[in-house]
Amino acid sequence: MPETRFTVQWPDGQVEQCYSPSTAVRDFLTEKTTYPLDEFVTRCRMALEKASTRVEAKFGYRCTSADAQLSSIERKASTFTKPADVTCLTIS
C-alpha cells in the first residue's frame, strides 16, 4: 500500500504537506485544484477514511496516522472564516 503525500495551500497562504497511507486520496483530490473550504474538508474526510479502511482490511487495524491527519486538517480548517478556499498543489 503506497503512502501518498499531498501538499495544500490554506486560505492564509500557508503551505502544508499532508499524509495518506494509500493512494485513496487521488480518488478525492486533484492536483492544482482549488476547493471551497467545506468541500476540501469533506473530500479529505472521505479520502482518509477510505485509506484507513484499506489499512484495516490488510493489517487488521486502522491507520492512526490517517486519523491524526484528518484531525489536523479539521482543526486547521476551523480557524478560517468562510467563504475560504484551499488548493491541492501536488499529490505524490
PDB file of N, CA and C in Angstrom:
ATOM      1  N   MET A   1       0.861  -1.165   0.000  1.00  0.00           N
ATOM      2  CA  MET A   1       0.000   0.000   0.000  1.00  0.00           C
ATOM      3  C   MET A   1       0.913   1.234   0.000  1.00  0.00           C
ATOM      4  N   PRO A   2       1.061   1.894  -1.128  1.00  0.00           N
ATOM      5  CA  PRO A   2       1.982   3.033  -1.186  1.00  0.00           C
ATOM      6  C   PRO A   2       1.424   4.273  -0.485  1.00  0.00           C
ATOM      7  N   GLU A   3       2.207   4.778   0.453  1.00  0.00           N
ATOM      8  CA  GLU A   3       1.775   6.013   1.110  1.00  0.00           C
ATOM      9  C   GLU A   3       1.831   7.161   0.119  1.00  0.00           C
ATOM     10  N   THR A   4       1.002   8.149   0.359  1.00  0.00           N
ATOM     11  CA  THR A   4       0.883   9.286  -0.543  1.00  0.00           C
ATOM     12  C   THR A   4       0.945  10.572   0.268  1.00  0.00           C
ATOM     13  N   ARG A   5       1.638  11.536  -0.262  1.00  0.00           N
ATOM     14  CA  ARG A   5       1.699  12.858   0.352  1.00  0.00           C
ATOM     15  C   ARG A   5       0.963  13.829  -0.565  1.00  0.00           C
ATOM     16  N   PHE A   6       0.196  14.738   0.054  1.00  0.00           N
ATOM     17  CA  PHE A   6      -0.455  15.769  -0.749  1.00  0.00           C
ATOM     18  C   PHE A   6      -0.172  17.119  -0.101  1.00  0.00           C
ATOM     19  N   THR A   7       0.172  18.059  -0.934  1.00  0.00           N
ATOM     20  CA  THR A   7       0.536  19.386  -0.469  1.00  0.00           C
ATOM     21  C   THR A   7      -0.624  20.331  -0.734  1.00  0.00           C
ATOM     22  N   VAL A   8      -1.000  21.082   0.310  1.00  0.00           N
ATOM     23  CA  VAL A   8      -2.125  22.003   0.187  1.00  0.00           C
ATOM     24  C   VAL A   8      -1.702  23.416   0.568  1.00  0.00           C
ATOM     25  N   GLN A   9      -2.400  24.368  -0.003  1.00  0.00           N
ATOM     26  CA  GLN A   9      -2.215  25.766   0.376  1.00  0.00           C
ATOM     27  C   GLN A   9      -3.504  26.247   1.021  1.00  0.00           C
ATOM     28  N   TRP A  10      -3.372  26.664   2.282  1.00  0.00           N
ATOM     29  CA  TRP A  10      -4.520  27.125   3.065  1.00  0.00           C
ATOM     30  C   TRP A  10      -4.895  28.556   2.689  1.00  0.00           C
ATOM     31  N   PRO A  11      -6.065  29.013   3.093  1.00  0.00           N
ATOM     32  CA  PRO A  11      -6.513  30.369   2.742  1.00  0.00           C
ATOM     33  C   PRO A  11      -5.551  31.482   3.180  1.00  0.00           C
ATOM     34  N   ASP A  12      -4.761  31.238   4.224  1.00  0.00           N
ATOM     35  CA  ASP A  12      -3.809  32.253   4.684  1.00  0.00           C
ATOM     36  C   ASP A  12      -2.483  32.200   3.930  1.00  0.00           C
ATOM     37  N   GLY A  13      -2.392  31.322   2.922  1.00  0.00           N
ATOM     38  CA  GLY A  13      -1.178  31.207   2.120  1.00  0.00           C
ATOM     39  C   GLY A  13      -0.195  30.156   2.622  1.00  0.00           C
ATOM     40  N   GLN A  14      -0.418  29.638   3.823  1.00  0.00           N
ATOM     41  CA  GLN A  14       0.473  28.623   4.373  1.00  0.00           C
ATOM     42  C   GLN A  14       0.378  27.347   3.541  1.00  0.00           C
ATOM     43  N   VAL A  15       1.542  26.752   3.269  1.00  0.00           N
ATOM     44  CA  VAL A  15       1.608  25.507   2.517  1.00  0.00           C
ATOM     45  C   VAL A  15       1.937  24.389   3.501  1.00  0.00           C
ATOM     46  N   GLU A  16       1.199  23.284   3.395  1.00  0.00           N
ATOM     47  CA  GLU A  16       1.377  22.168   4.316  1.00  0.00           C
ATOM     48  C   GLU A  16       1.394  20.856   3.552  1.00  0.00           C
ATOM     49  N   GLN A  17       2.299  19.971   3.942  1.00  0.00           N
ATOM     50  CA  GLN A  17       2.328  18.634   3.366  1.00  0.00           C
ATOM     51  C   GLN A  17       1.516  17.709   4.271  1.00  0.00           C
ATOM     52  N   CYS A  18       0.601  16.963   3.664  1.00  0.00           N
ATOM     53  CA  CYS A  18      -0.281  16.065   4.399  1.00  0.00           C
ATOM     54  C   CYS A  18       0.021  14.628   3.993  1.00  0.00           C
ATOM     55  N   TYR A  19      -0.452  13.684   4.810  1.00  0.00           N
ATOM     56  CA  TYR A  19      -0.137  12.267   4.649  1.00  0.00           C
ATOM     57  C   TYR A  19      -1.389  11.419   4.465  1.00  0.00           C
ATOM     58  N   SER A  20      -1.281  10.443   3.583  1.00  0.00           N
ATOM     59  CA  SER A  20      -2.295   9.401   3.442  1.00  0.00           C
ATOM     60  C   SER A  20      -1.564   8.068   3.342  1.00  0.00           C
ATOM     61  N   PRO A  21      -2.052   7.025   4.020  1.00  0.00           N
ATOM     62  CA  PRO A  21      -1.377   5.734   3.958  1.00  0.00           C
ATOM     63  C   PRO A  21      -1.588   4.984   2.639  1.00  0.00           C
ATOM     64  N   SER A  22      -2.415   5.532   1.761  1.00  0.00           N
ATOM     65  CA  SER A  22      -2.632   4.888   0.472  1.00  0.00           C
ATOM     66  C   SER A  22      -2.926   5.936  -0.590  1.00  0.00           C
ATOM     67  N   THR A  23      -3.047   5.470  -1.797  1.00  0.00           N
ATOM     68  CA  THR A  23      -3.343   6.365  -2.922  1.00  0.00           C
ATOM     69  C   THR A  23      -4.815   6.761  -2.984  1.00  0.00           C
ATOM     70  N   ALA A  24      -5.599   6.367  -2.008  1.00  0.00           N
ATOM     71  CA  ALA A  24      -7.041   6.684  -1.996  1.00  0.00           C
ATOM     72  C   ALA A  24      -7.293   8.173  -2.141  1.00  0.00           C
ATOM     73  N   VAL A  25      -6.369   8.980  -1.667  1.00  0.00           N
ATOM     74  CA  VAL A  25      -6.536  10.435  -1.745  1.00  0.00           C
ATOM     75  C   VAL A  25      -6.715  10.904  -3.194  1.00  0.00           C
ATOM     76  N   ARG A  26      -6.120  10.164  -4.125  1.00  0.00           N
ATOM     77  CA  ARG A  26      -6.237  10.531  -5.547  1.00  0.00           C
ATOM     78  C   ARG A  26      -7.672  10.398  -6.071  1.00  0.00           C
ATOM     79  N   ASP A  27      -8.488   9.624  -5.373  1.00  0.00           N
ATOM     80  CA  ASP A  27      -9.891   9.472  -5.769  1.00  0.00           C
ATOM     81  C   ASP A  27     -10.736  10.681  -5.373  1.00  0.00           C
ATOM     82  N   PHE A  28     -10.195  11.530  -4.499  1.00  0.00           N
ATOM     83  CA  PHE A  28     -10.988  12.621  -3.935  1.00  0.00           C
ATOM     84  C   PHE A  28     -10.400  14.011  -4.161  1.00  0.00           C
ATOM     85  N   LEU A  29      -9.086  14.085  -4.387  1.00  0.00           N
ATOM     86  CA  LEU A  29      -8.431  15.373  -4.628  1.00  0.00           C
ATOM     87  C   LEU A  29      -7.672  15.331  -5.942  1.00  0.00           C
ATOM     88  N   THR A  30      -7.552  16.490  -6.569  1.00  0.00           N
ATOM     89  CA  THR A  30      -6.832  16.611  -7.829  1.00  0.00           C
ATOM     90  C   THR A  30      -5.776  17.701  -7.685  1.00  0.00           C
ATOM     91  N   GLU A  31      -4.587  17.422  -8.192  1.00  0.00           N
ATOM     92  CA  GLU A  31      -3.521  18.419  -8.155  1.00  0.00           C
ATOM     93  C   GLU A  31      -3.950  19.716  -8.839  1.00  0.00           C
ATOM     94  N   LYS A  32      -3.428  20.816  -8.309  1.00  0.00           N
ATOM     95  CA  LYS A  32      -3.653  22.144  -8.891  1.00  0.00           C
ATOM     96  C   LYS A  32      -5.130  22.502  -8.978  1.00  0.00           C
ATOM     97  N   THR A  33      -5.890  22.040  -7.990  1.00  0.00           N
ATOM     98  CA  THR A  33      -7.327  22.309  -7.956  1.00  0.00           C
ATOM     99  C   THR A  33      -7.671  23.003  -6.650  1.00  0.00           C
ATOM    100  N   THR A  34      -8.510  24.032  -6.745  1.00  0.00           N
ATOM    101  CA  THR A  34      -8.941  24.786  -5.579  1.00  0.00           C
ATOM    102  C   THR A  34     -10.352  24.370  -5.208  1.00  0.00           C
ATOM    103  N   TYR A  35     -10.550  24.151  -3.893  1.00  0.00           N
ATOM    104  CA  TYR A  35     -11.834  23.702  -3.373  1.00  0.00           C
ATOM    105  C   TYR A  35     -12.340  24.685  -2.322  1.00  0.00           C
ATOM    106  N   PRO A  36     -13.632  24.892  -2.258  1.00  0.00           N
ATOM    107  CA  PRO A  36     -14.183  25.626  -1.115  1.00  0.00           C
ATOM    108  C   PRO A  36     -13.795  24.869   0.158  1.00  0.00           C
ATOM    109  N   LEU A  37     -13.542  25.593   1.229  1.00  0.00           N
ATOM    110  CA  LEU A  37     -13.048  25.015   2.473  1.00  0.00           C
ATOM    111  C   LEU A  37     -13.862  23.809   2.932  1.00  0.00           C
ATOM    112  N   ASP A  38     -15.174  23.936   3.011  1.00  0.00           N
ATOM    113  CA  ASP A  38     -16.015  22.830   3.480  1.00  0.00           C
ATOM    114  C   ASP A  38     -15.897  21.607   2.574  1.00  0.00           C
ATOM    115  N   GLU A  39     -15.856  21.835   1.280  1.00  0.00           N
ATOM    116  CA  GLU A  39     -15.730  20.727   0.330  1.00  0.00           C
ATOM    117  C   GLU A  39     -14.376  20.040   0.491  1.00  0.00           C
ATOM    118  N   PHE A  40     -13.332  20.839   0.676  1.00  0.00           N
ATOM    119  CA  PHE A  40     -11.997  20.267   0.878  1.00  0.00           C
ATOM    120  C   PHE A  40     -11.974  19.351   2.101  1.00  0.00           C
ATOM    121  N   VAL A  41     -12.537  19.816   3.200  1.00  0.00           N
ATOM    122  CA  VAL A  41     -12.564  19.004   4.428  1.00  0.00           C
ATOM    123  C   VAL A  41     -13.369  17.727   4.204  1.00  0.00           C
ATOM    124  N   THR A  42     -14.492  17.832   3.536  1.00  0.00           N
ATOM    125  CA  THR A  42     -15.316  16.652   3.252  1.00  0.00           C
ATOM    126  C   THR A  42     -14.557  15.660   2.387  1.00  0.00           C
ATOM    127  N   ARG A  43     -13.883  16.152   1.359  1.00  0.00           N
ATOM    128  CA  ARG A  43     -13.112  15.272   0.479  1.00  0.00           C
ATOM    129  C   ARG A  43     -11.977  14.592   1.247  1.00  0.00           C
ATOM    130  N   CYS A  44     -11.303  15.345   2.114  1.00  0.00           N
ATOM    131  CA  CYS A  44     -10.226  14.761   2.920  1.00  0.00           C
ATOM    132  C   CYS A  44     -10.782  13.710   3.876  1.00  0.00           C
ATOM    133  N   ARG A  45     -11.926  13.995   4.456  1.00  0.00           N
ATOM    134  CA  ARG A  45     -12.559  13.033   5.372  1.00  0.00           C
ATOM    135  C   ARG A  45     -12.844  11.718   4.634  1.00  0.00           C
ATOM    136  N   MET A  46     -13.417  11.811   3.444  1.00  0.00           N
ATOM    137  CA  MET A  46     -13.722  10.605   2.671  1.00  0.00           C
ATOM    138  C   MET A  46     -12.441   9.883   2.248  1.00  0.00           C
ATOM    139  N   ALA A  47     -11.445  10.629   1.802  1.00  0.00           N
ATOM    140  CA  ALA A  47     -10.189  10.039   1.340  1.00  0.00           C
ATOM    141  C   ALA A  47      -9.448   9.330   2.469  1.00  0.00           C
ATOM    142  N   LEU A  48      -9.325   9.995   3.600  1.00  0.00           N
ATOM    143  CA  LEU A  48      -8.569   9.412   4.703  1.00  0.00           C
ATOM    144  C   LEU A  48      -9.328   8.275   5.375  1.00  0.00           C
ATOM    145  N   GLU A  49     -10.642   8.333   5.358  1.00  0.00           N
ATOM    146  CA  GLU A  49     -11.438   7.208   5.863  1.00  0.00           C
ATOM    147  C   GLU A  49     -11.243   5.992   4.959  1.00  0.00           C
ATOM    148  N   LYS A  50     -11.283   6.207   3.657  1.00  0.00           N
ATOM    149  CA  LYS A  50     -11.076   5.107   2.711  1.00  0.00           C
ATOM    150  C   LYS A  50      -9.675   4.529   2.874  1.00  0.00           C
ATOM    151  N   ALA A  51      -8.686   5.394   3.030  1.00  0.00           N
ATOM    152  CA  ALA A  51      -7.305   4.941   3.199  1.00  0.00           C
ATOM    153  C   ALA A  51      -7.159   4.124   4.478  1.00  0.00           C
ATOM    154  N   SER A  52      -7.732   4.614   5.554  1.00  0.00           N
ATOM    155  CA  SER A  52      -7.637   3.912   6.829  1.00  0.00           C
ATOM    156  C   SER A  52      -8.365   2.571   6.778  1.00  0.00           C
ATOM    157  N   THR A  53      -9.470   2.526   6.054  1.00  0.00           N
ATOM    158  CA  THR A  53     -10.213   1.277   5.888  1.00  0.00           C
ATOM    159  C   THR A  53      -9.392   0.260   5.095  1.00  0.00           C
ATOM    160  N   ARG A  54      -8.656   0.743   4.098  1.00  0.00           N
ATOM    161  CA  ARG A  54      -7.779  -0.148   3.329  1.00  0.00           C
ATOM    162  C   ARG A  54      -6.704  -0.755   4.238  1.00  0.00           C
ATOM    163  N   VAL A  55      -6.128   0.066   5.089  1.00  0.00           N
ATOM    164  CA  VAL A  55      -5.111  -0.423   6.029  1.00  0.00           C
ATOM    165  C   VAL A  55      -5.728  -1.469   6.951  1.00  0.00           C
ATOM    166  N   GLU A  56      -6.923  -1.169   7.455  1.00  0.00           N
ATOM    167  CA  GLU A  56      -7.598  -2.100   8.357  1.00  0.00           C
ATOM    168  C   GLU A  56      -7.886  -3.439   7.672  1.00  0.00           C
ATOM    169  N   ALA A  57      -8.295  -3.391   6.425  1.00  0.00           N
ATOM    170  CA  ALA A  57      -8.582  -4.621   5.690  1.00  0.00           C
ATOM    171  C   ALA A  57      -7.317  -5.460   5.505  1.00  0.00           C
ATOM    172  N   LYS A  58      -6.201  -4.789   5.315  1.00  0.00           N
ATOM    173  CA  LYS A  58      -4.954  -5.506   5.060  1.00  0.00           C
ATOM    174  C   LYS A  58      -4.259  -5.958   6.347  1.00  0.00           C
ATOM    175  N   PHE A  59      -4.264  -5.105   7.372  1.00  0.00           N
ATOM    176  CA  PHE A  59      -3.471  -5.380   8.569  1.00  0.00           C
ATOM    177  C   PHE A  59      -4.294  -5.659   9.828  1.00  0.00           C
ATOM    178  N   GLY A  60      -5.611  -5.395   9.768  1.00  0.00           N
ATOM    179  CA  GLY A  60      -6.451  -5.673  10.914  1.00  0.00           C
ATOM    180  C   GLY A  60      -6.603  -4.521  11.892  1.00  0.00           C
ATOM    181  N   TYR A  61      -6.063  -3.366  11.564  1.00  0.00           N
ATOM    182  CA  TYR A  61      -6.207  -2.173  12.423  1.00  0.00           C
ATOM    183  C   TYR A  61      -6.199  -0.922  11.560  1.00  0.00           C
ATOM    184  N   ARG A  62      -6.870   0.104  12.059  1.00  0.00           N
ATOM    185  CA  ARG A  62      -6.942   1.376  11.337  1.00  0.00           C
ATOM    186  C   ARG A  62      -5.586   2.075  11.351  1.00  0.00           C
ATOM    187  N   CYS A  63      -5.399   2.963  10.420  1.00  0.00           N
ATOM    188  CA  CYS A  63      -4.179   3.759  10.379  1.00  0.00           C
ATOM    189  C   CYS A  63      -4.344   4.985  11.273  1.00  0.00           C
ATOM    190  N   THR A  64      -3.650   5.004  12.385  1.00  0.00           N
ATOM    191  CA  THR A  64      -3.758   6.142  13.305  1.00  0.00           C
ATOM    192  C   THR A  64      -3.168   7.406  12.697  1.00  0.00           C
ATOM    193  N   SER A  65      -2.222   7.264  11.788  1.00  0.00           N
ATOM    194  CA  SER A  65      -1.649   8.447  11.127  1.00  0.00           C
ATOM    195  C   SER A  65      -2.684   9.128  10.227  1.00  0.00           C
ATOM    196  N   ALA A  66      -3.506   8.343   9.561  1.00  0.00           N
ATOM    197  CA  ALA A  66      -4.567   8.917   8.722  1.00  0.00           C
ATOM    198  C   ALA A  66      -5.594   9.618   9.594  1.00  0.00           C
ATOM    199  N   ASP A  67      -5.944   9.000  10.717  1.00  0.00           N
ATOM    200  CA  ASP A  67      -6.898   9.621  11.638  1.00  0.00           C
ATOM    201  C   ASP A  67      -6.338  10.918  12.203  1.00  0.00           C
ATOM    202  N   ALA A  68      -5.052  10.913  12.544  1.00  0.00           N
ATOM    203  CA  ALA A  68      -4.400  12.122  13.074  1.00  0.00           C
ATOM    204  C   ALA A  68      -4.332  13.216  12.008  1.00  0.00           C
ATOM    205  N   GLN A  69      -4.064  12.832  10.770  1.00  0.00           N
ATOM    206  CA  GLN A  69      -4.008  13.814   9.690  1.00  0.00           C
ATOM    207  C   GLN A  69      -5.364  14.468   9.490  1.00  0.00           C
ATOM    208  N   LEU A  70      -6.423  13.679   9.520  1.00  0.00           N
ATOM    209  CA  LEU A  70      -7.758  14.240   9.370  1.00  0.00           C
ATOM    210  C   LEU A  70      -8.071  15.199  10.506  1.00  0.00           C
ATOM    211  N   SER A  71      -7.739  14.832  11.720  1.00  0.00           N
ATOM    212  CA  SER A  71      -7.970  15.725  12.863  1.00  0.00           C
ATOM    213  C   SER A  71      -7.227  17.037  12.689  1.00  0.00           C
ATOM    214  N   SER A  72      -5.997  16.956  12.196  1.00  0.00           N
ATOM    215  CA  SER A  72      -5.194  18.157  11.959  1.00  0.00           C
ATOM    216  C   SER A  72      -5.842  19.050  10.898  1.00  0.00           C
ATOM    217  N   ILE A  73      -6.317  18.445   9.822  1.00  0.00           N
ATOM    218  CA  ILE A  73      -6.979  19.200   8.755  1.00  0.00           C
ATOM    219  C   ILE A  73      -8.249  19.865   9.284  1.00  0.00           C
ATOM    220  N   GLU A  74      -9.028  19.131  10.042  1.00  0.00           N
ATOM    221  CA  GLU A  74     -10.271  19.689  10.591  1.00  0.00           C
ATOM    222  C   GLU A  74      -9.983  20.847  11.556  1.00  0.00           C
ATOM    223  N   ARG A  75      -8.963  20.689  12.388  1.00  0.00           N
ATOM    224  CA  ARG A  75      -8.586  21.768  13.318  1.00  0.00           C
ATOM    225  C   ARG A  75      -8.160  23.024  12.566  1.00  0.00           C
ATOM    226  N   LYS A  76      -7.287  22.845  11.576  1.00  0.00           N
ATOM    227  CA  LYS A  76      -6.791  23.978  10.794  1.00  0.00           C
ATOM    228  C   LYS A  76      -7.945  24.658  10.056  1.00  0.00           C
ATOM    229  N   ALA A  77      -8.806  23.873   9.444  1.00  0.00           N
ATOM    230  CA  ALA A  77      -9.942  24.429   8.692  1.00  0.00           C
ATOM    231  C   ALA A  77     -10.855  25.252   9.589  1.00  0.00           C
ATOM    232  N   SER A  78     -10.992  24.844  10.835  1.00  0.00           N
ATOM    233  CA  SER A  78     -11.892  25.549  11.752  1.00  0.00           C
ATOM    234  C   SER A  78     -11.387  26.940  12.124  1.00  0.00           C
ATOM    235  N   THR A  79     -10.162  27.258  11.789  1.00  0.00           N
ATOM    236  CA  THR A  79      -9.603  28.576  12.131  1.00  0.00           C
ATOM    237  C   THR A  79      -9.922  29.636  11.085  1.00  0.00           C
ATOM    238  N   PHE A  80     -10.496  29.230   9.959  1.00  0.00           N
ATOM    239  CA  PHE A  80     -10.771  30.175   8.875  1.00  0.00           C
ATOM    240  C   PHE A  80     -12.241  30.577   8.822  1.00  0.00           C
ATOM    241  N   THR A  81     -12.461  31.807   8.454  1.00  0.00           N
ATOM    242  CA  THR A  81     -13.802  32.321   8.246  1.00  0.00           C
ATOM    243  C   THR A  81     -14.223  31.982   6.821  1.00  0.00           C
ATOM    244  N   LYS A  82     -15.452  31.555   6.665  1.00  0.00           N
ATOM    245  CA  LYS A  82     -15.957  31.214   5.337  1.00  0.00           C
ATOM    246  C   LYS A  82     -16.550  32.458   4.693  1.00  0.00           C
ATOM    247  N   PRO A  83     -16.536  32.601   3.401  1.00  0.00           N
ATOM    248  CA  PRO A  83     -16.016  31.643   2.440  1.00  0.00           C
ATOM    249  C   PRO A  83     -14.483  31.693   2.381  1.00  0.00           C
ATOM    250  N   ALA A  84     -13.899  30.548   2.143  1.00  0.00           N
ATOM    251  CA  ALA A  84     -12.453  30.422   2.004  1.00  0.00           C
ATOM    252  C   ALA A  84     -12.174  29.227   1.103  1.00  0.00           C
ATOM    253  N   ASP A  85     -11.021  29.234   0.474  1.00  0.00           N
ATOM    254  CA  ASP A  85     -10.656  28.166  -0.448  1.00  0.00           C
ATOM    255  C   ASP A  85      -9.329  27.543  -0.045  1.00  0.00           C
ATOM    256  N   VAL A  86      -9.188  26.268  -0.371  1.00  0.00           N
ATOM    257  CA  VAL A  86      -7.946  25.521  -0.162  1.00  0.00           C
ATOM    258  C   VAL A  86      -7.539  24.935  -1.508  1.00  0.00           C
ATOM    259  N   THR A  87      -6.265  25.021  -1.827  1.00  0.00           N
ATOM    260  CA  THR A  87      -5.758  24.479  -3.089  1.00  0.00           C
ATOM    261  C   THR A  87      -4.904  23.245  -2.825  1.00  0.00           C
ATOM    262  N   CYS A  88      -5.206  22.181  -3.546  1.00  0.00           N
ATOM    263  CA  CYS A  88      -4.346  20.999  -3.531  1.00  0.00           C
ATOM    264  C   CYS A  88      -3.273  21.261  -4.586  1.00  0.00           C
ATOM    265  N   LEU A  89      -2.053  21.453  -4.144  1.00  0.00           N
ATOM    266  CA  LEU A  89      -0.964  21.802  -5.067  1.00  0.00           C
ATOM    267  C   LEU A  89      -0.388  20.574  -5.764  1.00  0.00           C
ATOM    268  N   THR A  90      -0.041  19.557  -4.981  1.00  0.00           N
ATOM    269  CA  THR A  90       0.563  18.348  -5.531  1.00  0.00           C
ATOM    270  C   THR A  90       0.078  17.113  -4.797  1.00  0.00           C
ATOM    271  N   ILE A  91       0.178  15.994  -5.474  1.00  0.00           N
ATOM    272  CA  ILE A  91      -0.062  14.680  -4.864  1.00  0.00           C
ATOM    273  C   ILE A  91       1.074  13.793  -5.348  1.00  0.00           C
ATOM    274  N   SER A  92       1.812  13.212  -4.401  1.00  0.00           N
ATOM    275  CA  SER A  92       2.927  12.349  -4.808  1.00  0.00           C
ATOM    276  C   SER A  92       3.040  11.134  -3.915  1.00  0.00           C
TER     277      SER A  92
END
